[in-house]
């Protein structure tokens, strides 16, 4: 009984480790570009609550030009960007 329980725990741990490695690998593959990969036009960020809660470094993007939808990495915020944007009006 103890050996079968240990085997189940080890195999379950290996499955969870595999999911973590696949998840981290897929996040590294995401591009952080703001342009559509199909038509090279600007994309718009779409809020998805589930994606925001589960993965904070990714966001869903949509291209109004061709209708493409897909994930991308969120850009890193810098103080230079926020300073240059606030005096646009």
PDB file of N, CA and C in Angstrom:
ATOM      1  N   UNK A   1       0.821  -1.195   0.000  1.00  0.00           N
ATOM      2  CA  UNK A   1       0.000   0.000   0.000  1.00  0.00           C
ATOM      3  C   UNK A   1       0.862   1.255   0.000  1.00  0.00           C
ATOM      4  N   UNK A   2       1.946   1.265   0.795  1.00  0.00           N
ATOM      5  CA  UNK A   2       2.803   2.442   0.878  1.00  0.00           C
ATOM      6  C   UNK A   2       3.539   2.686  -0.428  1.00  0.00           C
ATOM      7  N   UNK A   3       3.935   1.607  -1.095  1.00  0.00           N
ATOM      8  CA  UNK A   3       4.676   1.745  -2.350  1.00  0.00           C
ATOM      9  C   UNK A   3       3.764   2.306  -3.434  1.00  0.00           C
ATOM     10  N   UNK A   4       2.528   1.854  -3.498  1.00  0.00           N
ATOM     11  CA  UNK A   4       1.619   2.367  -4.525  1.00  0.00           C
ATOM     12  C   UNK A   4       1.266   3.834  -4.263  1.00  0.00           C
ATOM     13  N   UNK A   5       1.122   4.229  -3.006  1.00  0.00           N
ATOM     14  CA  UNK A   5       0.852   5.623  -2.677  1.00  0.00           C
ATOM     15  C   UNK A   5       2.048   6.498  -3.038  1.00  0.00           C
ATOM     16  N   UNK A   6       3.240   6.021  -2.753  1.00  0.00           N
ATOM     17  CA  UNK A   6       4.445   6.772  -3.110  1.00  0.00           C
ATOM     18  C   UNK A   6       4.574   6.892  -4.621  1.00  0.00           C
ATOM     19  N   UNK A   7       4.248   5.838  -5.341  1.00  0.00           N
ATOM     20  CA  UNK A   7       4.322   5.879  -6.803  1.00  0.00           C
ATOM     21  C   UNK A   7       3.319   6.879  -7.367  1.00  0.00           C
ATOM     22  N   UNK A   8       2.121   6.906  -6.811  1.00  0.00           N
ATOM     23  CA  UNK A   8       1.103   7.860  -7.265  1.00  0.00           C
ATOM     24  C   UNK A   8       1.555   9.288  -6.984  1.00  0.00           C
ATOM     25  N   UNK A   9       2.127   9.534  -5.817  1.00  0.00           N
ATOM     26  CA  UNK A   9       2.602  10.875  -5.483  1.00  0.00           C
ATOM     27  C   UNK A   9       3.752  11.312  -6.387  1.00  0.00           C
ATOM     28  N   UNK A  10       4.683  10.413  -6.654  1.00  0.00           N
ATOM     29  CA  UNK A  10       5.813  10.747  -7.527  1.00  0.00           C
ATOM     30  C   UNK A  10       5.331  11.018  -8.943  1.00  0.00           C
ATOM     31  N   UNK A  11       4.489  10.151  -9.472  1.00  0.00           N
ATOM     32  CA  UNK A  11       3.992  10.351 -10.834  1.00  0.00           C
ATOM     33  C   UNK A  11       3.108  11.599 -10.934  1.00  0.00           C
ATOM     34  N   UNK A  12       2.296  11.861  -9.924  1.00  0.00           N
ATOM     35  CA  UNK A  12       1.494  13.085  -9.909  1.00  0.00           C
ATOM     36  C   UNK A  12       2.367  14.329  -9.855  1.00  0.00           C
ATOM     37  N   UNK A  13       3.423  14.273  -9.064  1.00  0.00           N
ATOM     38  CA  UNK A  13       4.364  15.393  -9.007  1.00  0.00           C
ATOM     39  C   UNK A  13       5.053  15.625 -10.336  1.00  0.00           C
ATOM     40  N   UNK A  14       5.392  14.550 -11.035  1.00  0.00           N
ATOM     41  CA  UNK A  14       6.019  14.690 -12.349  1.00  0.00           C
ATOM     42  C   UNK A  14       5.060  15.301 -13.369  1.00  0.00           C
ATOM     43  N   UNK A  15       3.787  14.954 -13.282  1.00  0.00           N
ATOM     44  CA  UNK A  15       2.798  15.544 -14.192  1.00  0.00           C
ATOM     45  C   UNK A  15       2.657  17.038 -13.920  1.00  0.00           C
ATOM     46  N   UNK A  16       2.590  17.420 -12.657  1.00  0.00           N
ATOM     47  CA  UNK A  16       2.484  18.843 -12.308  1.00  0.00           C
ATOM     48  C   UNK A  16       3.735  19.596 -12.738  1.00  0.00           C
ATOM     49  N   UNK A  17       4.904  19.011 -12.542  1.00  0.00           N
ATOM     50  CA  UNK A  17       6.150  19.633 -12.988  1.00  0.00           C
ATOM     51  C   UNK A  17       6.158  19.811 -14.500  1.00  0.00           C
ATOM     52  N   UNK A  18       5.634  18.853 -15.206  1.00  0.00           N
ATOM     53  CA  UNK A  18       5.552  18.947 -16.670  1.00  0.00           C
ATOM     54  C   UNK A  18       4.651  20.101 -17.094  1.00  0.00           C
ATOM     55  N   UNK A  19       3.506  20.281 -16.427  1.00  0.00           N
ATOM     56  CA  UNK A  19       2.599  21.398 -16.737  1.00  0.00           C
ATOM     57  C   UNK A  19       3.282  22.740 -16.481  1.00  0.00           C
ATOM     58  N   UNK A  20       4.019  22.825 -15.384  1.00  0.00           N
ATOM     59  CA  UNK A  20       4.716  24.077 -15.058  1.00  0.00           C
ATOM     60  C   UNK A  20       5.759  24.395 -16.117  1.00  0.00           C
ATOM     61  N   UNK A  21       6.525  23.412 -16.536  1.00  0.00           N
ATOM     62  CA  UNK A  21       7.558  23.630 -17.558  1.00  0.00           C
ATOM     63  C   UNK A  21       6.925  24.026 -18.885  1.00  0.00           C
ATOM     64  N   UNK A  22       5.841  23.385 -19.264  1.00  0.00           N
ATOM     65  CA  UNK A  22       5.156  23.735 -20.517  1.00  0.00           C
ATOM     66  C   UNK A  22       4.586  25.147 -20.434  1.00  0.00           C
ATOM     67  N   UNK A  23       4.003  25.508 -19.307  1.00  0.00           N
ATOM     68  CA  UNK A  23       3.451  26.854 -19.130  1.00  0.00           C
ATOM     69  C   UNK A  23       4.517  27.928 -19.207  1.00  0.00           C
ATOM     70  N   UNK A  24       5.640  27.714 -18.538  1.00  0.00           N
ATOM     71  CA  UNK A  24       6.728  28.695 -18.591  1.00  0.00           C
ATOM     72  C   UNK A  24       7.328  28.788 -19.985  1.00  0.00           C
ATOM     73  N   UNK A  25       7.452  27.666 -20.650  1.00  0.00           N
ATOM     74  CA  UNK A  25       7.983  27.679 -22.017  1.00  0.00           C
ATOM     75  C   UNK A  25       7.071  28.414 -22.974  1.00  0.00           C
ATOM     76  N   UNK A  26       5.769  28.232 -22.828  1.00  0.00           N
ATOM     77  CA  UNK A  26       4.848  28.930 -23.731  1.00  0.00           C
ATOM     78  C   UNK A  26       4.828  30.427 -23.458  1.00  0.00           C
ATOM     79  N   UNK A  27       5.030  30.855 -22.225  1.00  0.00           N
ATOM     80  CA  UNK A  27       5.106  32.286 -21.939  1.00  0.00           C
ATOM     81  C   UNK A  27       6.363  32.912 -22.531  1.00  0.00           C
ATOM     82  N   UNK A  28       7.443  32.165 -22.562  1.00  0.00           N
ATOM     83  CA  UNK A  28       8.676  32.691 -23.145  1.00  0.00           C
ATOM     84  C   UNK A  28       8.579  32.828 -24.657  1.00  0.00           C
ATOM     85  N   UNK A  29       7.736  32.032 -25.280  1.00  0.00           N
ATOM     86  CA  UNK A  29       7.593  32.063 -26.737  1.00  0.00           C
ATOM     87  C   UNK A  29       6.729  33.241 -27.194  1.00  0.00           C
ATOM     88  N   UNK A  30       5.855  33.756 -26.328  1.00  0.00           N
ATOM     89  CA  UNK A  30       4.971  34.859 -26.708  1.00  0.00           C
ATOM     90  C   UNK A  30       5.776  36.084 -27.126  1.00  0.00           C
ATOM     91  N   UNK A  31       5.360  36.713 -28.196  1.00  0.00           N
ATOM     92  CA  UNK A  31       6.020  37.937 -28.645  1.00  0.00           C
ATOM     93  C   UNK A  31       5.409  39.133 -27.919  1.00  0.00           C
ATOM     94  N   UNK A  32       6.169  40.208 -27.817  1.00  0.00           N
ATOM     95  CA  UNK A  32       5.661  41.383 -27.112  1.00  0.00           C
ATOM     96  C   UNK A  32       5.370  42.532 -28.066  1.00  0.00           C
ATOM     97  N   UNK A  33       5.228  42.246 -29.323  1.00  0.00           N
ATOM     98  CA  UNK A  33       4.992  43.293 -30.318  1.00  0.00           C
ATOM     99  C   UNK A  33       3.569  43.821 -30.223  1.00  0.00           C
ATOM    100  N   UNK A  34       3.378  45.055 -30.609  1.00  0.00           N
ATOM    101  CA  UNK A  34       2.068  45.680 -30.614  1.00  0.00           C
ATOM    102  C   UNK A  34       1.434  45.658 -31.997  1.00  0.00           C
ATOM    103  N   UNK A  35       2.084  45.029 -32.950  1.00  0.00           N
ATOM    104  CA  UNK A  35       1.544  44.974 -34.308  1.00  0.00           C
ATOM    105  C   UNK A  35       1.038  43.570 -34.600  1.00  0.00           C
ATOM    106  N   UNK A  36       0.092  43.495 -35.496  1.00  0.00           N
ATOM    107  CA  UNK A  36      -0.513  42.228 -35.893  1.00  0.00           C
ATOM    108  C   UNK A  36       0.496  41.404 -36.692  1.00  0.00           C
ATOM    109  N   UNK A  37       0.639  40.116 -36.404  1.00  0.00           N
ATOM    110  CA  UNK A  37       1.559  39.295 -37.184  1.00  0.00           C
ATOM    111  C   UNK A  37       1.050  38.996 -38.592  1.00  0.00           C
ATOM    112  N   UNK A  38      -0.245  39.216 -38.845  1.00  0.00           N
ATOM    113  CA  UNK A  38      -0.807  38.928 -40.165  1.00  0.00           C
ATOM    114  C   UNK A  38      -0.729  40.124 -41.109  1.00  0.00           C
ATOM    115  N   UNK A  39      -1.108  41.325 -40.620  1.00  0.00           N
ATOM    116  CA  UNK A  39      -1.169  42.492 -41.519  1.00  0.00           C
ATOM    117  C   UNK A  39      -0.259  43.640 -41.085  1.00  0.00           C
ATOM    118  N   UNK A  40       0.441  43.507 -39.973  1.00  0.00           N
ATOM    119  CA  UNK A  40       1.404  44.496 -39.471  1.00  0.00           C
ATOM    120  C   UNK A  40       0.772  45.844 -39.133  1.00  0.00           C
ATOM    121  N   UNK A  41      -0.504  45.844 -38.735  1.00  0.00           N
ATOM    122  CA  UNK A  41      -1.181  47.053 -38.255  1.00  0.00           C
ATOM    123  C   UNK A  41      -1.188  47.031 -36.727  1.00  0.00           C
ATOM    124  N   UNK A  42      -1.508  48.162 -36.111  1.00  0.00           N
ATOM    125  CA  UNK A  42      -1.564  48.257 -34.654  1.00  0.00           C
ATOM    126  C   UNK A  42      -2.704  47.396 -34.102  1.00  0.00           C
ATOM    127  N   UNK A  43      -2.456  46.761 -32.965  1.00  0.00           N
ATOM    128  CA  UNK A  43      -3.479  45.944 -32.313  1.00  0.00           C
ATOM    129  C   UNK A  43      -4.001  46.657 -31.073  1.00  0.00           C
ATOM    130  N   UNK A  44      -5.128  46.174 -30.565  1.00  0.00           N
ATOM    131  CA  UNK A  44      -5.788  46.753 -29.399  1.00  0.00           C
ATOM    132  C   UNK A  44      -5.817  45.700 -28.299  1.00  0.00           C
ATOM    133  N   UNK A  45      -5.528  46.111 -27.060  1.00  0.00           N
ATOM    134  CA  UNK A  45      -5.588  45.184 -25.932  1.00  0.00           C
ATOM    135  C   UNK A  45      -7.042  44.902 -25.572  1.00  0.00           C
ATOM    136  N   UNK A  46      -7.351  43.633 -25.333  1.00  0.00           N
ATOM    137  CA  UNK A  46      -8.692  43.200 -24.946  1.00  0.00           C
ATOM    138  C   UNK A  46      -8.597  42.639 -23.537  1.00  0.00           C
ATOM    139  N   UNK A  47      -9.494  43.067 -22.650  1.00  0.00           N
ATOM    140  CA  UNK A  47      -9.473  42.572 -21.277  1.00  0.00           C
ATOM    141  C   UNK A  47     -10.162  41.225 -21.184  1.00  0.00           C
ATOM    142  N   UNK A  48      -9.455  40.281 -20.644  1.00  0.00           N
ATOM    143  CA  UNK A  48     -10.011  38.957 -20.339  1.00  0.00           C
ATOM    144  C   UNK A  48      -9.730  38.706 -18.868  1.00  0.00           C
ATOM    145  N   UNK A  49     -10.773  38.634 -18.061  1.00  0.00           N
ATOM    146  CA  UNK A  49     -10.583  38.523 -16.613  1.00  0.00           C
ATOM    147  C   UNK A  49      -9.811  37.273 -16.232  1.00  0.00           C
ATOM    148  N   UNK A  50     -10.112  36.176 -16.875  1.00  0.00           N
ATOM    149  CA  UNK A  50      -9.448  34.919 -16.534  1.00  0.00           C
ATOM    150  C   UNK A  50      -7.958  35.013 -16.829  1.00  0.00           C
ATOM    151  N   UNK A  51      -7.599  35.617 -17.950  1.00  0.00           N
ATOM    152  CA  UNK A  51      -6.192  35.756 -18.316  1.00  0.00           C
ATOM    153  C   UNK A  51      -5.489  36.729 -17.384  1.00  0.00           C
ATOM    154  N   UNK A  52      -6.179  37.789 -16.971  1.00  0.00           N
ATOM    155  CA  UNK A  52      -5.590  38.775 -16.075  1.00  0.00           C
ATOM    156  C   UNK A  52      -5.300  38.169 -14.711  1.00  0.00           C
ATOM    157  N   UNK A  53      -6.193  37.334 -14.227  1.00  0.00           N
ATOM    158  CA  UNK A  53      -6.011  36.737 -12.911  1.00  0.00           C
ATOM    159  C   UNK A  53      -4.947  35.644 -12.945  1.00  0.00           C
ATOM    160  N   UNK A  54      -4.990  34.784 -13.943  1.00  0.00           N
ATOM    161  CA  UNK A  54      -4.079  33.645 -13.979  1.00  0.00           C
ATOM    162  C   UNK A  54      -2.666  34.018 -14.415  1.00  0.00           C
ATOM    163  N   UNK A  55      -2.557  34.810 -15.461  1.00  0.00           N
ATOM    164  CA  UNK A  55      -1.245  35.132 -16.018  1.00  0.00           C
ATOM    165  C   UNK A  55      -1.127  36.650 -16.096  1.00  0.00           C
ATOM    166  N   UNK A  56      -0.321  37.221 -15.239  1.00  0.00           N
ATOM    167  CA  UNK A  56      -0.219  38.677 -15.186  1.00  0.00           C
ATOM    168  C   UNK A  56       0.774  39.246 -16.184  1.00  0.00           C
ATOM    169  N   UNK A  57       1.571  38.419 -16.847  1.00  0.00           N
ATOM    170  CA  UNK A  57       2.548  38.956 -17.796  1.00  0.00           C
ATOM    171  C   UNK A  57       2.085  38.834 -19.239  1.00  0.00           C
ATOM    172  N   UNK A  58       0.872  38.321 -19.454  1.00  0.00           N
ATOM    173  CA  UNK A  58       0.355  38.180 -20.817  1.00  0.00           C
ATOM    174  C   UNK A  58      -0.957  38.942 -20.957  1.00  0.00           C
ATOM    175  N   UNK A  59      -1.285  39.330 -22.171  1.00  0.00           N
ATOM    176  CA  UNK A  59      -2.550  39.990 -22.456  1.00  0.00           C
ATOM    177  C   UNK A  59      -3.071  39.524 -23.802  1.00  0.00           C
ATOM    178  N   UNK A  60      -4.367  39.684 -24.019  1.00  0.00           N
ATOM    179  CA  UNK A  60      -5.008  39.281 -25.263  1.00  0.00           C
ATOM    180  C   UNK A  60      -5.072  40.494 -26.178  1.00  0.00           C
ATOM    181  N   UNK A  61      -4.692  40.337 -27.461  1.00  0.00           N
ATOM    182  CA  UNK A  61      -4.675  41.442 -28.416  1.00  0.00           C
ATOM    183  C   UNK A  61      -5.628  41.133 -29.562  1.00  0.00           C
ATOM    184  N   UNK A  62      -6.166  42.192 -30.189  1.00  0.00           N
ATOM    185  CA  UNK A  62      -7.086  42.067 -31.318  1.00  0.00           C
ATOM    186  C   UNK A  62      -6.716  43.099 -32.367  1.00  0.00           C
ATOM    187  N   UNK A  63      -6.735  42.687 -33.632  1.00  0.00           N
ATOM    188  CA  UNK A  63      -6.440  43.585 -34.743  1.00  0.00           C
ATOM    189  C   UNK A  63      -7.761  44.000 -35.393  1.00  0.00           C
ATOM    190  N   UNK A  64      -8.119  45.295 -35.337  1.00  0.00           N
ATOM    191  CA  UNK A  64      -9.368  45.724 -35.963  1.00  0.00           C
ATOM    192  C   UNK A  64      -9.303  45.705 -37.487  1.00  0.00           C
ATOM    193  N   UNK A  65      -8.107  45.678 -38.039  1.00  0.00           N
ATOM    194  CA  UNK A  65      -7.945  45.699 -39.491  1.00  0.00           C
ATOM    195  C   UNK A  65      -8.326  44.351 -40.123  1.00  0.00           C
ATOM    196  N   UNK A  66      -7.745  43.265 -39.596  1.00  0.00           N
ATOM    197  CA  UNK A  66      -7.978  41.957 -40.222  1.00  0.00           C
ATOM    198  C   UNK A  66      -8.744  40.975 -39.330  1.00  0.00           C
ATOM    199  N   UNK A  67      -8.962  41.319 -38.048  1.00  0.00           N
ATOM    200  CA  UNK A  67      -9.717  40.452 -37.156  1.00  0.00           C
ATOM    201  C   UNK A  67      -8.885  39.425 -36.412  1.00  0.00           C
ATOM    202  N   UNK A  68      -7.557  39.499 -36.490  1.00  0.00           N
ATOM    203  CA  UNK A  68      -6.688  38.553 -35.793  1.00  0.00           C
ATOM    204  C   UNK A  68      -6.829  38.743 -34.290  1.00  0.00           C
ATOM    205  N   UNK A  69      -6.828  37.638 -33.543  1.00  0.00           N
ATOM    206  CA  UNK A  69      -6.830  37.668 -32.082  1.00  0.00           C
ATOM    207  C   UNK A  69      -5.764  36.728 -31.580  1.00  0.00           C
ATOM    208  N   UNK A  70      -5.093  37.119 -30.497  1.00  0.00           N
ATOM    209  CA  UNK A  70      -4.097  36.236 -29.934  1.00  0.00           C
ATOM    210  C   UNK A  70      -3.418  36.828 -28.721  1.00  0.00           C
ATOM    211  N   UNK A  71      -2.650  35.996 -28.012  1.00  0.00           N
ATOM    212  CA  UNK A  71      -1.961  36.470 -26.815  1.00  0.00           C
ATOM    213  C   UNK A  71      -0.646  37.166 -27.156  1.00  0.00           C
ATOM    214  N   UNK A  72      -0.213  38.039 -26.256  1.00  0.00           N
ATOM    215  CA  UNK A  72       1.113  38.648 -26.359  1.00  0.00           C
ATOM    216  C   UNK A  72       1.583  39.001 -24.958  1.00  0.00           C
ATOM    217  N   UNK A  73       2.874  39.226 -24.826  1.00  0.00           N
ATOM    218  CA  UNK A  73       3.424  39.626 -23.540  1.00  0.00           C
ATOM    219  C   UNK A  73       3.141  41.093 -23.283  1.00  0.00           C
ATOM    220  N   UNK A  74       2.885  41.440 -22.026  1.00  0.00           N
ATOM    221  CA  UNK A  74       2.706  42.845 -21.665  1.00  0.00           C
ATOM    222  C   UNK A  74       4.073  43.524 -21.696  1.00  0.00           C
ATOM    223  N   UNK A  75       4.109  44.777 -22.125  1.00  0.00           N
ATOM    224  CA  UNK A  75       5.396  45.482 -22.122  1.00  0.00           C
ATOM    225  C   UNK A  75       5.789  45.859 -20.702  1.00  0.00           C
ATOM    226  N   UNK A  76       7.082  46.006 -20.486  1.00  0.00           N
ATOM    227  CA  UNK A  76       7.551  46.467 -19.186  1.00  0.00           C
ATOM    228  C   UNK A  76       7.342  47.970 -19.117  1.00  0.00           C
ATOM    229  N   UNK A  77       6.752  48.430 -18.038  1.00  0.00           N
ATOM    230  CA  UNK A  77       6.495  49.863 -17.877  1.00  0.00           C
ATOM    231  C   UNK A  77       7.798  50.570 -17.507  1.00  0.00           C
ATOM    232  N   UNK A  78       8.011  51.714 -18.107  1.00  0.00           N
ATOM    233  CA  UNK A  78       9.178  52.512 -17.749  1.00  0.00           C
ATOM    234  C   UNK A  78       8.726  53.919 -17.415  1.00  0.00           C
ATOM    235  N   UNK A  79       9.496  54.619 -16.597  1.00  0.00           N
ATOM    236  CA  UNK A  79       9.125  55.979 -16.215  1.00  0.00           C
ATOM    237  C   UNK A  79       9.213  56.913 -17.413  1.00  0.00           C
ATOM    238  N   UNK A  80      10.094  56.623 -18.350  1.00  0.00           N
ATOM    239  CA  UNK A  80      10.234  57.466 -19.534  1.00  0.00           C
ATOM    240  C   UNK A  80       8.953  57.443 -20.359  1.00  0.00           C
ATOM    241  N   UNK A  81       8.345  56.276 -20.522  1.00  0.00           N
ATOM    242  CA  UNK A  81       7.116  56.166 -21.307  1.00  0.00           C
ATOM    243  C   UNK A  81       5.979  56.939 -20.653  1.00  0.00           C
ATOM    244  N   UNK A  82       5.793  56.798 -19.356  1.00  0.00           N
ATOM    245  CA  UNK A  82       4.685  57.486 -18.699  1.00  0.00           C
ATOM    246  C   UNK A  82       4.906  58.997 -18.681  1.00  0.00           C
ATOM    247  N   UNK A  83       6.141  59.458 -18.591  1.00  0.00           N
ATOM    248  CA  UNK A  83       6.401  60.895 -18.617  1.00  0.00           C
ATOM    249  C   UNK A  83       6.125  61.480 -19.992  1.00  0.00           C
ATOM    250  N   UNK A  84       6.425  60.745 -21.041  1.00  0.00           N
ATOM    251  CA  UNK A  84       6.264  61.293 -22.380  1.00  0.00           C
ATOM    252  C   UNK A  84       4.817  61.264 -22.862  1.00  0.00           C
ATOM    253  N   UNK A  85       3.961  60.481 -22.238  1.00  0.00           N
ATOM    254  CA  UNK A  85       2.590  60.342 -22.720  1.00  0.00           C
ATOM    255  C   UNK A  85       1.647  61.354 -22.079  1.00  0.00           C
ATOM    256  N   UNK A  86       1.894  61.808 -20.863  1.00  0.00           N
ATOM    257  CA  UNK A  86       0.886  62.592 -20.158  1.00  0.00           C
ATOM    258  C   UNK A  86       0.680  64.006 -20.694  1.00  0.00           C
ATOM    259  N   UNK A  87       1.554  64.567 -21.503  1.00  0.00           N
ATOM    260  CA  UNK A  87       1.370  65.933 -22.005  1.00  0.00           C
ATOM    261  C   UNK A  87       0.950  65.943 -23.471  1.00  0.00           C
ATOM    262  N   UNK A  88      -0.001  65.100 -23.846  1.00  0.00           N
ATOM    263  CA  UNK A  88      -0.438  65.001 -25.233  1.00  0.00           C
ATOM    264  C   UNK A  88      -1.592  65.943 -25.563  1.00  0.00           C
ATOM    265  N   UNK A  89      -2.337  66.446 -24.603  1.00  0.00           N
ATOM    266  CA  UNK A  89      -3.543  67.235 -24.887  1.00  0.00           C
ATOM    267  C   UNK A  89      -3.264  68.639 -25.174  1.00  0.00           C
TER     268      UNK A  89
END
